Amino acid sequence: MYGNKRYGGEPFFLPTNPNSETEDDGYILTFVHDEKTWKSELQIVNAINLQLEASIKLPSRVPYGFHGTFIDTKDLVNQA
């Protein structure tokens, strides 16, 4: 699915608009690691048509099992 010797992590759905009537209106974000080159990237996929929108090369490897939590600024302030 990601290519030869390329493996993806846990996908995360990011809605374009939380109030949208369309259930899959948003993007799927996932980390992909290439075992041959030992490089990682963040892939951003359109959730409606499943087309790759962007691939962002990362400066270091993202380990398998990495989980991200996304919160907004006001919630981050409350964590302190």
PDB file of N, CA and C in Angstrom:
ATOM      1  N   MET A   1       0.814  -1.187   0.000  1.00  0.00           N
ATOM      2  CA  MET A   1       0.000   0.000   0.000  1.00  0.00           C
ATOM      3  C   MET A   1       0.867   1.264   0.000  1.00  0.00           C
ATOM      4  N   TYR A   2       1.942   1.298   0.782  1.00  0.00           N
ATOM      5  CA  TYR A   2       2.831   2.463   0.846  1.00  0.00           C
ATOM      6  C   TYR A   2       4.042   2.302  -0.068  1.00  0.00           C
ATOM      7  N   GLY A   3       4.247   1.104  -0.585  1.00  0.00           N
ATOM      8  CA  GLY A   3       5.400   0.818  -1.431  1.00  0.00           C
ATOM      9  C   GLY A   3       6.262  -0.262  -0.806  1.00  0.00           C
ATOM     10  N   ASN A   4       7.222  -0.746  -1.555  1.00  0.00           N
ATOM     11  CA  ASN A   4       8.103  -1.815  -1.110  1.00  0.00           C
ATOM     12  C   ASN A   4       8.922  -1.385   0.105  1.00  0.00           C
ATOM     13  N   LYS A   5       8.840  -2.163   1.168  1.00  0.00           N
ATOM     14  CA  LYS A   5       9.576  -1.911   2.420  1.00  0.00           C
ATOM     15  C   LYS A   5       9.209  -0.579   3.062  1.00  0.00           C
ATOM     16  N   ARG A   6       7.978  -0.081   2.805  1.00  0.00           N
ATOM     17  CA  ARG A   6       7.481   1.165   3.405  1.00  0.00           C
ATOM     18  C   ARG A   6       6.256   0.798   4.234  1.00  0.00           C
ATOM     19  N   TYR A   7       6.231   1.290   5.473  1.00  0.00           N
ATOM     20  CA  TYR A   7       5.159   0.924   6.395  1.00  0.00           C
ATOM     21  C   TYR A   7       4.588   2.171   7.062  1.00  0.00           C
ATOM     22  N   GLY A   8       3.277   2.166   7.243  1.00  0.00           N
ATOM     23  CA  GLY A   8       2.597   3.314   7.823  1.00  0.00           C
ATOM     24  C   GLY A   8       2.231   3.102   9.275  1.00  0.00           C
ATOM     25  N   GLY A   9       2.027   4.208   9.952  1.00  0.00           N
ATOM     26  CA  GLY A   9       1.604   4.179  11.340  1.00  0.00           C
ATOM     27  C   GLY A   9       0.095   4.321  11.451  1.00  0.00           C
ATOM     28  N   GLU A  10      -0.361   4.592  12.646  1.00  0.00           N
ATOM     29  CA  GLU A  10      -1.786   4.754  12.902  1.00  0.00           C
ATOM     30  C   GLU A  10      -2.293   6.034  12.233  1.00  0.00           C
ATOM     31  N   PRO A  11      -3.291   5.926  11.326  1.00  0.00           N
ATOM     32  CA  PRO A  11      -3.805   7.126  10.672  1.00  0.00           C
ATOM     33  C   PRO A  11      -4.635   7.985  11.628  1.00  0.00           C
ATOM     34  N   PHE A  12      -4.654   9.284  11.343  1.00  0.00           N
ATOM     35  CA  PHE A  12      -5.421  10.235  12.137  1.00  0.00           C
ATOM     36  C   PHE A  12      -6.300  11.030  11.176  1.00  0.00           C
ATOM     37  N   PHE A  13      -7.604  11.125  11.459  1.00  0.00           N
ATOM     38  CA  PHE A  13      -8.519  11.889  10.612  1.00  0.00           C
ATOM     39  C   PHE A  13      -8.628  13.313  11.124  1.00  0.00           C
ATOM     40  N   LEU A  14      -8.437  14.271  10.231  1.00  0.00           N
ATOM     41  CA  LEU A  14      -8.538  15.687  10.560  1.00  0.00           C
ATOM     42  C   LEU A  14      -9.639  16.293   9.691  1.00  0.00           C
ATOM     43  N   PRO A  15     -10.804  16.640  10.292  1.00  0.00           N
ATOM     44  CA  PRO A  15     -11.903  17.179   9.488  1.00  0.00           C
ATOM     45  C   PRO A  15     -11.571  18.568   8.938  1.00  0.00           C
ATOM     46  N   THR A  16     -12.026  18.835   7.725  1.00  0.00           N
ATOM     47  CA  THR A  16     -11.866  20.163   7.144  1.00  0.00           C
ATOM     48  C   THR A  16     -12.720  21.161   7.903  1.00  0.00           C
ATOM     49  N   ASN A  17     -13.948  20.753   8.193  1.00  0.00           N
ATOM     50  CA  ASN A  17     -14.895  21.580   8.934  1.00  0.00           C
ATOM     51  C   ASN A  17     -15.662  20.659   9.873  1.00  0.00           C
ATOM     52  N   PRO A  18     -15.523  20.819  11.179  1.00  0.00           N
ATOM     53  CA  PRO A  18     -16.209  19.924  12.123  1.00  0.00           C
ATOM     54  C   PRO A  18     -17.735  19.919  11.967  1.00  0.00           C
ATOM     55  N   ASN A  19     -18.296  20.963  11.343  1.00  0.00           N
ATOM     56  CA  ASN A  19     -19.744  21.050  11.163  1.00  0.00           C
ATOM     57  C   ASN A  19     -20.206  20.587   9.790  1.00  0.00           C
ATOM     58  N   SER A  20     -19.311  19.991   9.008  1.00  0.00           N
ATOM     59  CA  SER A  20     -19.646  19.565   7.654  1.00  0.00           C
ATOM     60  C   SER A  20     -20.694  18.462   7.665  1.00  0.00           C
ATOM     61  N   GLU A  21     -21.550  18.481   6.667  1.00  0.00           N
ATOM     62  CA  GLU A  21     -22.573  17.439   6.496  1.00  0.00           C
ATOM     63  C   GLU A  21     -21.967  16.166   5.912  1.00  0.00           C
ATOM     64  N   THR A  22     -20.809  16.287   5.277  1.00  0.00           N
ATOM     65  CA  THR A  22     -20.153  15.141   4.657  1.00  0.00           C
ATOM     66  C   THR A  22     -19.232  14.472   5.672  1.00  0.00           C
ATOM     67  N   GLU A  23     -19.497  13.205   5.946  1.00  0.00           N
ATOM     68  CA  GLU A  23     -18.778  12.490   7.005  1.00  0.00           C
ATOM     69  C   GLU A  23     -17.269  12.431   6.782  1.00  0.00           C
ATOM     70  N   ASP A  24     -16.828  12.247   5.548  1.00  0.00           N
ATOM     71  CA  ASP A  24     -15.396  12.087   5.288  1.00  0.00           C
ATOM     72  C   ASP A  24     -14.759  13.342   4.683  1.00  0.00           C
ATOM     73  N   ASP A  25     -15.314  14.508   4.979  1.00  0.00           N
ATOM     74  CA  ASP A  25     -14.767  15.773   4.494  1.00  0.00           C
ATOM     75  C   ASP A  25     -13.579  16.166   5.371  1.00  0.00           C
ATOM     76  N   GLY A  26     -12.388  15.824   4.916  1.00  0.00           N
ATOM     77  CA  GLY A  26     -11.193  16.123   5.692  1.00  0.00           C
ATOM     78  C   GLY A  26      -9.989  15.396   5.126  1.00  0.00           C
ATOM     79  N   TYR A  27      -9.008  15.199   5.977  1.00  0.00           N
ATOM     80  CA  TYR A  27      -7.744  14.603   5.554  1.00  0.00           C
ATOM     81  C   TYR A  27      -7.342  13.477   6.496  1.00  0.00           C
ATOM     82  N   ILE A  28      -6.642  12.516   5.937  1.00  0.00           N
ATOM     83  CA  ILE A  28      -6.058  11.425   6.710  1.00  0.00           C
ATOM     84  C   ILE A  28      -4.561  11.705   6.792  1.00  0.00           C
ATOM     85  N   LEU A  29      -4.036  11.759   8.005  1.00  0.00           N
ATOM     86  CA  LEU A  29      -2.611  11.998   8.213  1.00  0.00           C
ATOM     87  C   LEU A  29      -1.985  10.714   8.748  1.00  0.00           C
ATOM     88  N   THR A  30      -0.865  10.336   8.194  1.00  0.00           N
ATOM     89  CA  THR A  30      -0.168   9.151   8.689  1.00  0.00           C
ATOM     90  C   THR A  30       1.336   9.290   8.470  1.00  0.00           C
ATOM     91  N   PHE A  31       2.098   8.722   9.385  1.00  0.00           N
ATOM     92  CA  PHE A  31       3.548   8.670   9.239  1.00  0.00           C
ATOM     93  C   PHE A  31       3.907   7.414   8.475  1.00  0.00           C
ATOM     94  N   VAL A  32       4.839   7.529   7.538  1.00  0.00           N
ATOM     95  CA  VAL A  32       5.305   6.393   6.748  1.00  0.00           C
ATOM     96  C   VAL A  32       6.815   6.311   6.902  1.00  0.00           C
ATOM     97  N   HIS A  33       7.293   5.101   7.144  1.00  0.00           N
ATOM     98  CA  HIS A  33       8.739   4.892   7.287  1.00  0.00           C
ATOM     99  C   HIS A  33       9.220   3.970   6.184  1.00  0.00           C
ATOM    100  N   ASP A  34      10.333   4.341   5.564  1.00  0.00           N
ATOM    101  CA  ASP A  34      10.949   3.548   4.499  1.00  0.00           C
ATOM    102  C   ASP A  34      12.101   2.763   5.111  1.00  0.00           C
ATOM    103  N   GLU A  35      11.970   1.441   5.130  1.00  0.00           N
ATOM    104  CA  GLU A  35      12.995   0.574   5.736  1.00  0.00           C
ATOM    105  C   GLU A  35      14.284   0.545   4.918  1.00  0.00           C
ATOM    106  N   LYS A  36      14.212   0.845   3.623  1.00  0.00           N
ATOM    107  CA  LYS A  36      15.420   0.827   2.784  1.00  0.00           C
ATOM    108  C   LYS A  36      16.271   2.074   2.991  1.00  0.00           C
ATOM    109  N   THR A  37      15.634   3.226   3.064  1.00  0.00           N
ATOM    110  CA  THR A  37      16.377   4.485   3.193  1.00  0.00           C
ATOM    111  C   THR A  37      16.458   4.977   4.628  1.00  0.00           C
ATOM    112  N   TRP A  38      15.653   4.385   5.507  1.00  0.00           N
ATOM    113  CA  TRP A  38      15.568   4.746   6.929  1.00  0.00           C
ATOM    114  C   TRP A  38      15.110   6.194   7.114  1.00  0.00           C
ATOM    115  N   LYS A  39      14.188   6.621   6.236  1.00  0.00           N
ATOM    116  CA  LYS A  39      13.631   7.969   6.309  1.00  0.00           C
ATOM    117  C   LYS A  39      12.128   7.890   6.556  1.00  0.00           C
ATOM    118  N   SER A  40      11.591   8.917   7.194  1.00  0.00           N
ATOM    119  CA  SER A  40      10.163   8.978   7.483  1.00  0.00           C
ATOM    120  C   SER A  40       9.554  10.207   6.829  1.00  0.00           C
ATOM    121  N   GLU A  41       8.253  10.150   6.622  1.00  0.00           N
ATOM    122  CA  GLU A  41       7.520  11.270   6.054  1.00  0.00           C
ATOM    123  C   GLU A  41       6.108  11.293   6.621  1.00  0.00           C
ATOM    124  N   LEU A  42       5.495  12.447   6.557  1.00  0.00           N
ATOM    125  CA  LEU A  42       4.094  12.601   6.920  1.00  0.00           C
ATOM    126  C   LEU A  42       3.319  12.667   5.619  1.00  0.00           C
ATOM    127  N   GLN A  43       2.365  11.762   5.436  1.00  0.00           N
ATOM    128  CA  GLN A  43       1.528  11.784   4.245  1.00  0.00           C
ATOM    129  C   GLN A  43       0.164  12.346   4.602  1.00  0.00           C
ATOM    130  N   ILE A  44      -0.331  13.226   3.735  1.00  0.00           N
ATOM    131  CA  ILE A  44      -1.642  13.841   3.919  1.00  0.00           C
ATOM    132  C   ILE A  44      -2.498  13.418   2.730  1.00  0.00           C
ATOM    133  N   VAL A  45      -3.582  12.702   3.041  1.00  0.00           N
ATOM    134  CA  VAL A  45      -4.438  12.114   2.014  1.00  0.00           C
ATOM    135  C   VAL A  45      -5.832  12.726   2.102  1.00  0.00           C
ATOM    136  N   ASN A  46      -6.396  13.073   0.953  1.00  0.00           N
ATOM    137  CA  ASN A  46      -7.764  13.561   0.897  1.00  0.00           C
ATOM    138  C   ASN A  46      -8.688  12.397   1.250  1.00  0.00           C
ATOM    139  N   ALA A  47      -9.494  12.539   2.290  1.00  0.00           N
ATOM    140  CA  ALA A  47     -10.324  11.428   2.772  1.00  0.00           C
ATOM    141  C   ALA A  47     -11.497  11.127   1.840  1.00  0.00           C
ATOM    142  N   ILE A  48     -11.897  12.078   1.011  1.00  0.00           N
ATOM    143  CA  ILE A  48     -13.022  11.838   0.106  1.00  0.00           C
ATOM    144  C   ILE A  48     -12.593  10.994  -1.089  1.00  0.00           C
ATOM    145  N   ASN A  49     -11.494  11.377  -1.751  1.00  0.00           N
ATOM    146  CA  ASN A  49     -11.089  10.646  -2.961  1.00  0.00           C
ATOM    147  C   ASN A  49      -9.852   9.770  -2.754  1.00  0.00           C
ATOM    148  N   LEU A  50      -9.301   9.769  -1.545  1.00  0.00           N
ATOM    149  CA  LEU A  50      -8.134   8.965  -1.162  1.00  0.00           C
ATOM    150  C   LEU A  50      -6.895   9.261  -2.004  1.00  0.00           C
ATOM    151  N   GLN A  51      -6.786  10.496  -2.506  1.00  0.00           N
ATOM    152  CA  GLN A  51      -5.608  10.911  -3.260  1.00  0.00           C
ATOM    153  C   GLN A  51      -4.606  11.570  -2.322  1.00  0.00           C
ATOM    154  N   LEU A  52      -3.329  11.267  -2.543  1.00  0.00           N
ATOM    155  CA  LEU A  52      -2.256  11.884  -1.764  1.00  0.00           C
ATOM    156  C   LEU A  52      -2.197  13.372  -2.088  1.00  0.00           C
ATOM    157  N   GLU A  53      -2.356  14.214  -1.081  1.00  0.00           N
ATOM    158  CA  GLU A  53      -2.327  15.669  -1.266  1.00  0.00           C
ATOM    159  C   GLU A  53      -0.926  16.231  -1.026  1.00  0.00           C
ATOM    160  N   ALA A  54      -0.199  15.650  -0.063  1.00  0.00           N
ATOM    161  CA  ALA A  54       1.141  16.146   0.260  1.00  0.00           C
ATOM    162  C   ALA A  54       1.936  15.057   0.961  1.00  0.00           C
ATOM    163  N   SER A  55       3.240  15.139   0.805  1.00  0.00           N
ATOM    164  CA  SER A  55       4.162  14.244   1.495  1.00  0.00           C
ATOM    165  C   SER A  55       5.284  15.122   2.042  1.00  0.00           C
ATOM    166  N   ILE A  56       5.420  15.140   3.352  1.00  0.00           N
ATOM    167  CA  ILE A  56       6.394  16.014   4.006  1.00  0.00           C
ATOM    168  C   ILE A  56       7.528  15.158   4.561  1.00  0.00           C
ATOM    169  N   LYS A  57       8.714  15.370   4.024  1.00  0.00           N
ATOM    170  CA  LYS A  57       9.899  14.635   4.489  1.00  0.00           C
ATOM    171  C   LYS A  57      10.262  15.118   5.885  1.00  0.00           C
ATOM    172  N   LEU A  58      10.566  14.186   6.764  1.00  0.00           N
ATOM    173  CA  LEU A  58      10.891  14.521   8.153  1.00  0.00           C
ATOM    174  C   LEU A  58      12.392  14.379   8.401  1.00  0.00           C
ATOM    175  N   PRO A  59      12.957  15.192   9.297  1.00  0.00           N
ATOM    176  CA  PRO A  59      14.405  15.175   9.517  1.00  0.00           C
ATOM    177  C   PRO A  59      14.905  13.952  10.280  1.00  0.00           C
ATOM    178  N   SER A  60      14.010  13.212  10.915  1.00  0.00           N
ATOM    179  CA  SER A  60      14.446  12.018  11.640  1.00  0.00           C
ATOM    180  C   SER A  60      13.364  10.953  11.562  1.00  0.00           C
ATOM    181  N   ARG A  61      13.733   9.748  11.915  1.00  0.00           N
ATOM    182  CA  ARG A  61      12.808   8.616  11.851  1.00  0.00           C
ATOM    183  C   ARG A  61      11.708   8.764  12.900  1.00  0.00           C
ATOM    184  N   VAL A  62      10.482   8.447  12.491  1.00  0.00           N
ATOM    185  CA  VAL A  62       9.363   8.383  13.432  1.00  0.00           C
ATOM    186  C   VAL A  62       9.162   6.906  13.763  1.00  0.00           C
ATOM    187  N   PRO A  63       9.271   6.528  15.032  1.00  0.00           N
ATOM    188  CA  PRO A  63       9.178   5.108  15.389  1.00  0.00           C
ATOM    189  C   PRO A  63       7.776   4.551  15.193  1.00  0.00           C
ATOM    190  N   TYR A  64       7.714   3.263  14.893  1.00  0.00           N
ATOM    191  CA  TYR A  64       6.422   2.584  14.799  1.00  0.00           C
ATOM    192  C   TYR A  64       5.734   2.668  16.160  1.00  0.00           C
ATOM    193  N   GLY A  65       4.428   2.829  16.140  1.00  0.00           N
ATOM    194  CA  GLY A  65       3.689   2.925  17.393  1.00  0.00           C
ATOM    195  C   GLY A  65       3.589   4.335  17.920  1.00  0.00           C
ATOM    196  N   PHE A  66       4.176   5.312  17.208  1.00  0.00           N
ATOM    197  CA  PHE A  66       4.080   6.705  17.634  1.00  0.00           C
ATOM    198  C   PHE A  66       2.619   7.137  17.570  1.00  0.00           C
ATOM    199  N   HIS A  67       2.146   7.787  18.611  1.00  0.00           N
ATOM    200  CA  HIS A  67       0.772   8.278  18.659  1.00  0.00           C
ATOM    201  C   HIS A  67       0.810   9.783  18.891  1.00  0.00           C
ATOM    202  N   GLY A  68       0.008  10.492  18.153  1.00  0.00           N
ATOM    203  CA  GLY A  68      -0.065  11.942  18.314  1.00  0.00           C
ATOM    204  C   GLY A  68      -1.378  12.338  18.956  1.00  0.00           C
ATOM    205  N   THR A  69      -1.327  13.393  19.718  1.00  0.00           N
ATOM    206  CA  THR A  69      -2.536  13.971  20.297  1.00  0.00           C
ATOM    207  C   THR A  69      -2.570  15.422  19.852  1.00  0.00           C
ATOM    208  N   PHE A  70      -3.689  15.807  19.277  1.00  0.00           N
ATOM    209  CA  PHE A  70      -3.808  17.157  18.760  1.00  0.00           C
ATOM    210  C   PHE A  70      -4.811  17.914  19.605  1.00  0.00           C
ATOM    211  N   ILE A  71      -4.352  19.021  20.188  1.00  0.00           N
ATOM    212  CA  ILE A  71      -5.223  19.859  21.005  1.00  0.00           C
ATOM    213  C   ILE A  71      -5.026  21.305  20.572  1.00  0.00           C
ATOM    214  N   ASP A  72      -6.021  22.123  20.853  1.00  0.00           N
ATOM    215  CA  ASP A  72      -5.863  23.521  20.470  1.00  0.00           C
ATOM    216  C   ASP A  72      -5.136  24.298  21.579  1.00  0.00           C
ATOM    217  N   THR A  73      -4.815  25.547  21.292  1.00  0.00           N
ATOM    218  CA  THR A  73      -3.997  26.375  22.189  1.00  0.00           C
ATOM    219  C   THR A  73      -4.597  26.516  23.569  1.00  0.00           C
ATOM    220  N   LYS A  74      -5.912  26.753  23.652  1.00  0.00           N
ATOM    221  CA  LYS A  74      -6.515  26.955  24.979  1.00  0.00           C
ATOM    222  C   LYS A  74      -6.432  25.690  25.833  1.00  0.00           C
ATOM    223  N   ASP A  75      -6.555  24.524  25.207  1.00  0.00           N
ATOM    224  CA  ASP A  75      -6.414  23.288  25.971  1.00  0.00           C
ATOM    225  C   ASP A  75      -4.970  23.045  26.397  1.00  0.00           C
ATOM    226  N   LEU A  76      -4.034  23.465  25.582  1.00  0.00           N
ATOM    227  CA  LEU A  76      -2.617  23.327  25.914  1.00  0.00           C
ATOM    228  C   LEU A  76      -2.269  24.178  27.132  1.00  0.00           C
ATOM    229  N   VAL A  77      -2.797  25.385  27.210  1.00  0.00           N
ATOM    230  CA  VAL A  77      -2.571  26.277  28.353  1.00  0.00           C
ATOM    231  C   VAL A  77      -3.087  25.626  29.625  1.00  0.00           C
ATOM    232  N   ASN A  78      -4.207  24.943  29.533  1.00  0.00           N
ATOM    233  CA  ASN A  78      -4.790  24.287  30.710  1.00  0.00           C
ATOM    234  C   ASN A  78      -3.964  23.094  31.203  1.00  0.00           C
ATOM    235  N   GLN A  79      -3.061  22.588  30.370  1.00  0.00           N
ATOM    236  CA  GLN A  79      -2.216  21.460  30.750  1.00  0.00           C
ATOM    237  C   GLN A  79      -1.092  21.879  31.701  1.00  0.00           C
ATOM    238  N   ALA A  80      -0.739  23.152  31.688  1.00  0.00           N
ATOM    239  CA  ALA A  80       0.404  23.639  32.478  1.00  0.00           C
ATOM    240  C   ALA A  80       0.110  23.625  33.961  1.00  0.00           C
TER     241      ALA A  80
END
